[in-house]
Amino acid sequence: MEYRQTIQSYCVPTGTEFKLVIPASVKEVGYMQSSSCSGICKYFSLYYQSFTQTTLFPIQAGTEEQLGEYVNKFYTAINAN
């Protein structure tokens, strides 16, 4: 299940998305580390890739260990019977 709410200035919700992710549609799950400002501001994103799209979830103040746990939990959730 994926729920996403877009928030702009003043914390006013401006959009909402909801979808169910079918486990068979997920090809890949993982995380990425990106940086801005010449490598000073680093941040992580959890992602999954399906047959039709890639979805990214930015993670604030995450660590590699936490993102590894998130990937494992996501994988476990989509493979649960």
N, C-alpha and C. Protein backbone atom coordinates (compact mmCIF):
# COMPACT_ATOMS: atom_id res chain seq x y z
N MET A 1 0.85 -1.15 0.00
CA MET A 1 0.00 0.00 0.00
C MET A 1 0.91 1.22 0.00
N GLU A 2 0.63 2.17 -0.84
CA GLU A 2 1.43 3.39 -0.92
C GLU A 2 0.51 4.59 -0.74
N TYR A 3 0.86 5.46 0.18
CA TYR A 3 0.10 6.68 0.44
C TYR A 3 1.08 7.84 0.37
N ARG A 4 0.76 8.85 -0.40
CA ARG A 4 1.64 9.98 -0.54
C ARG A 4 0.82 11.25 -0.49
N GLN A 5 1.28 12.20 0.31
CA GLN A 5 0.60 13.48 0.42
C GLN A 5 1.60 14.56 0.07
N THR A 6 1.26 15.42 -0.86
CA THR A 6 2.13 16.51 -1.28
C THR A 6 1.80 17.74 -0.44
N ILE A 7 2.83 18.32 0.17
CA ILE A 7 2.63 19.48 1.03
C ILE A 7 3.50 20.62 0.50
N GLN A 8 2.89 21.79 0.37
CA GLN A 8 3.65 22.95 -0.06
C GLN A 8 3.77 23.91 1.11
N SER A 9 4.19 25.13 0.84
CA SER A 9 4.42 26.08 1.93
C SER A 9 3.23 26.23 2.86
N TYR A 10 3.50 26.52 4.11
CA TYR A 10 2.52 26.66 5.17
C TYR A 10 1.85 25.33 5.53
N CYS A 11 2.45 24.21 5.11
CA CYS A 11 1.96 22.87 5.48
C CYS A 11 0.51 22.63 5.06
N VAL A 12 0.13 23.14 3.93
CA VAL A 12 -1.22 22.94 3.42
C VAL A 12 -1.20 21.75 2.47
N PRO A 13 -1.96 20.67 2.76
CA PRO A 13 -1.98 19.54 1.83
C PRO A 13 -2.52 19.98 0.48
N THR A 14 -1.79 19.67 -0.57
CA THR A 14 -2.22 20.08 -1.89
C THR A 14 -2.49 18.90 -2.82
N GLY A 15 -2.22 17.69 -2.38
CA GLY A 15 -2.49 16.54 -3.22
C GLY A 15 -2.30 15.25 -2.43
N THR A 16 -3.02 14.23 -2.83
CA THR A 16 -2.95 12.93 -2.16
C THR A 16 -2.99 11.83 -3.20
N GLU A 17 -2.16 10.80 -3.00
CA GLU A 17 -2.18 9.62 -3.86
C GLU A 17 -2.29 8.39 -2.97
N PHE A 18 -3.01 7.40 -3.44
CA PHE A 18 -3.13 6.13 -2.74
C PHE A 18 -3.13 5.02 -3.76
N LYS A 19 -2.31 4.00 -3.56
CA LYS A 19 -2.33 2.87 -4.48
C LYS A 19 -1.89 1.61 -3.75
N LEU A 20 -2.33 0.49 -4.24
CA LEU A 20 -1.89 -0.81 -3.73
C LEU A 20 -0.82 -1.32 -4.67
N VAL A 21 0.27 -1.78 -4.09
CA VAL A 21 1.37 -2.32 -4.87
C VAL A 21 1.21 -3.83 -4.91
N ILE A 22 1.09 -4.37 -6.09
CA ILE A 22 0.96 -5.82 -6.25
C ILE A 22 2.36 -6.41 -6.19
N PRO A 23 2.61 -7.32 -5.24
CA PRO A 23 3.95 -7.86 -5.06
C PRO A 23 4.59 -8.37 -6.35
N ALA A 24 3.82 -8.99 -7.22
CA ALA A 24 4.38 -9.53 -8.45
C ALA A 24 4.86 -8.44 -9.41
N SER A 25 4.44 -7.19 -9.18
CA SER A 25 4.84 -6.10 -10.07
C SER A 25 6.17 -5.47 -9.67
N VAL A 26 6.69 -5.78 -8.49
CA VAL A 26 7.93 -5.17 -8.00
C VAL A 26 9.13 -5.96 -8.53
N LYS A 27 9.99 -5.27 -9.28
CA LYS A 27 11.18 -5.89 -9.83
C LYS A 27 12.39 -5.68 -8.92
N GLU A 28 12.43 -4.56 -8.24
CA GLU A 28 13.63 -4.20 -7.49
C GLU A 28 13.26 -3.26 -6.35
N VAL A 29 13.96 -3.39 -5.23
CA VAL A 29 13.80 -2.47 -4.11
C VAL A 29 15.19 -2.16 -3.58
N GLY A 30 15.40 -0.92 -3.18
CA GLY A 30 16.72 -0.55 -2.69
C GLY A 30 16.72 0.87 -2.16
N TYR A 31 17.92 1.40 -1.96
CA TYR A 31 18.03 2.79 -1.54
C TYR A 31 19.19 3.46 -2.27
N MET A 32 19.15 4.79 -2.31
CA MET A 32 20.19 5.58 -2.95
C MET A 32 20.61 6.67 -1.98
N GLN A 33 21.86 7.04 -2.05
CA GLN A 33 22.35 8.19 -1.30
C GLN A 33 22.69 9.26 -2.32
N SER A 34 22.19 10.45 -2.12
CA SER A 34 22.43 11.58 -3.02
C SER A 34 22.99 12.72 -2.19
N SER A 35 23.57 13.69 -2.86
CA SER A 35 24.06 14.86 -2.15
C SER A 35 23.84 16.10 -3.00
N SER A 36 23.80 17.21 -2.33
CA SER A 36 23.68 18.50 -3.00
C SER A 36 24.70 19.44 -2.37
N CYS A 37 24.84 20.60 -2.88
CA CYS A 37 25.78 21.59 -2.34
C CYS A 37 27.20 21.03 -2.29
N SER A 38 27.67 20.47 -3.39
CA SER A 38 29.03 19.93 -3.49
C SER A 38 29.31 18.85 -2.47
N GLY A 39 28.33 18.00 -2.19
CA GLY A 39 28.53 16.87 -1.29
C GLY A 39 28.30 17.17 0.17
N ILE A 40 27.92 18.38 0.52
CA ILE A 40 27.73 18.74 1.93
C ILE A 40 26.41 18.19 2.45
N CYS A 41 25.34 18.38 1.74
CA CYS A 41 24.01 17.96 2.18
C CYS A 41 23.68 16.59 1.58
N LYS A 42 23.86 15.53 2.36
CA LYS A 42 23.58 14.18 1.88
C LYS A 42 22.22 13.73 2.37
N TYR A 43 21.54 12.97 1.53
CA TYR A 43 20.25 12.42 1.92
C TYR A 43 20.04 11.09 1.22
N PHE A 44 19.14 10.29 1.79
CA PHE A 44 18.83 8.97 1.25
C PHE A 44 17.43 8.95 0.67
N SER A 45 17.22 8.04 -0.25
CA SER A 45 15.88 7.78 -0.79
C SER A 45 15.69 6.27 -0.87
N LEU A 46 14.57 5.79 -0.36
CA LEU A 46 14.16 4.40 -0.53
C LEU A 46 13.41 4.35 -1.85
N TYR A 47 13.64 3.32 -2.65
CA TYR A 47 12.92 3.23 -3.92
C TYR A 47 12.49 1.80 -4.19
N TYR A 48 11.48 1.69 -5.03
CA TYR A 48 11.18 0.40 -5.62
C TYR A 48 10.87 0.62 -7.09
N GLN A 49 11.22 -0.36 -7.88
CA GLN A 49 10.97 -0.29 -9.32
C GLN A 49 10.01 -1.39 -9.69
N SER A 50 8.95 -1.00 -10.39
CA SER A 50 7.99 -1.97 -10.89
C SER A 50 8.18 -2.06 -12.40
N PHE A 51 7.30 -2.78 -13.05
CA PHE A 51 7.40 -2.91 -14.50
C PHE A 51 7.04 -1.63 -15.22
N THR A 52 6.32 -0.72 -14.55
CA THR A 52 5.86 0.49 -15.23
C THR A 52 6.40 1.79 -14.65
N GLN A 53 6.99 1.77 -13.45
CA GLN A 53 7.46 3.02 -12.86
C GLN A 53 8.50 2.75 -11.77
N THR A 54 9.19 3.81 -11.38
CA THR A 54 10.08 3.79 -10.23
C THR A 54 9.53 4.80 -9.24
N THR A 55 9.41 4.41 -7.98
CA THR A 55 8.89 5.28 -6.94
C THR A 55 9.98 5.53 -5.91
N LEU A 56 10.22 6.81 -5.59
CA LEU A 56 11.22 7.22 -4.61
C LEU A 56 10.56 7.81 -3.39
N PHE A 57 11.11 7.48 -2.22
CA PHE A 57 10.64 8.04 -0.96
C PHE A 57 11.84 8.69 -0.28
N PRO A 58 11.93 10.03 -0.26
CA PRO A 58 13.04 10.68 0.43
C PRO A 58 12.99 10.38 1.93
N ILE A 59 14.13 10.12 2.53
CA ILE A 59 14.23 9.82 3.96
C ILE A 59 15.07 10.91 4.62
N GLN A 60 14.49 11.58 5.61
CA GLN A 60 15.23 12.62 6.32
C GLN A 60 16.04 11.99 7.45
N ALA A 61 17.27 12.42 7.58
CA ALA A 61 18.16 12.00 8.67
C ALA A 61 18.31 10.49 8.76
N GLY A 62 18.38 9.81 7.63
CA GLY A 62 18.54 8.36 7.63
C GLY A 62 20.01 7.96 7.64
N THR A 63 20.25 6.71 7.96
CA THR A 63 21.59 6.15 7.91
C THR A 63 21.56 4.94 6.98
N GLU A 64 22.73 4.47 6.58
CA GLU A 64 22.78 3.29 5.72
C GLU A 64 22.18 2.08 6.42
N GLU A 65 22.38 1.95 7.71
CA GLU A 65 21.82 0.83 8.47
C GLU A 65 20.29 0.88 8.46
N GLN A 66 19.73 2.07 8.70
CA GLN A 66 18.27 2.22 8.69
C GLN A 66 17.70 1.90 7.32
N LEU A 67 18.34 2.40 6.28
CA LEU A 67 17.83 2.14 4.93
C LEU A 67 17.93 0.67 4.59
N GLY A 68 18.98 -0.01 5.03
CA GLY A 68 19.08 -1.46 4.84
C GLY A 68 17.92 -2.18 5.51
N GLU A 69 17.56 -1.74 6.72
CA GLU A 69 16.41 -2.33 7.42
C GLU A 69 15.11 -2.06 6.66
N TYR A 70 14.93 -0.84 6.15
CA TYR A 70 13.73 -0.51 5.39
C TYR A 70 13.60 -1.39 4.15
N VAL A 71 14.72 -1.60 3.45
CA VAL A 71 14.71 -2.44 2.25
C VAL A 71 14.30 -3.86 2.63
N ASN A 72 14.89 -4.40 3.71
CA ASN A 72 14.54 -5.76 4.15
C ASN A 72 13.07 -5.87 4.54
N LYS A 73 12.56 -4.87 5.25
CA LYS A 73 11.15 -4.89 5.66
C LYS A 73 10.22 -4.79 4.46
N PHE A 74 10.57 -3.97 3.51
CA PHE A 74 9.76 -3.84 2.28
C PHE A 74 9.74 -5.18 1.56
N TYR A 75 10.90 -5.77 1.39
CA TYR A 75 11.00 -7.07 0.70
C TYR A 75 10.20 -8.13 1.43
N THR A 76 10.30 -8.16 2.76
CA THR A 76 9.55 -9.14 3.55
C THR A 76 8.05 -8.91 3.39
N ALA A 77 7.62 -7.66 3.39
CA ALA A 77 6.20 -7.34 3.28
C ALA A 77 5.62 -7.78 1.93
N ILE A 78 6.36 -7.56 0.85
CA ILE A 78 5.80 -7.92 -0.46
C ILE A 78 5.89 -9.43 -0.72
N ASN A 79 6.69 -10.14 0.06
CA ASN A 79 6.80 -11.58 -0.13
C ASN A 79 6.02 -12.37 0.93
N ALA A 80 5.29 -11.69 1.80
CA ALA A 80 4.49 -12.36 2.82
C ALA A 80 3.32 -13.08 2.15
N ASN A 81 2.98 -14.22 2.66
CA ASN A 81 1.85 -14.97 2.10
C ASN A 81 0.63 -14.80 2.94
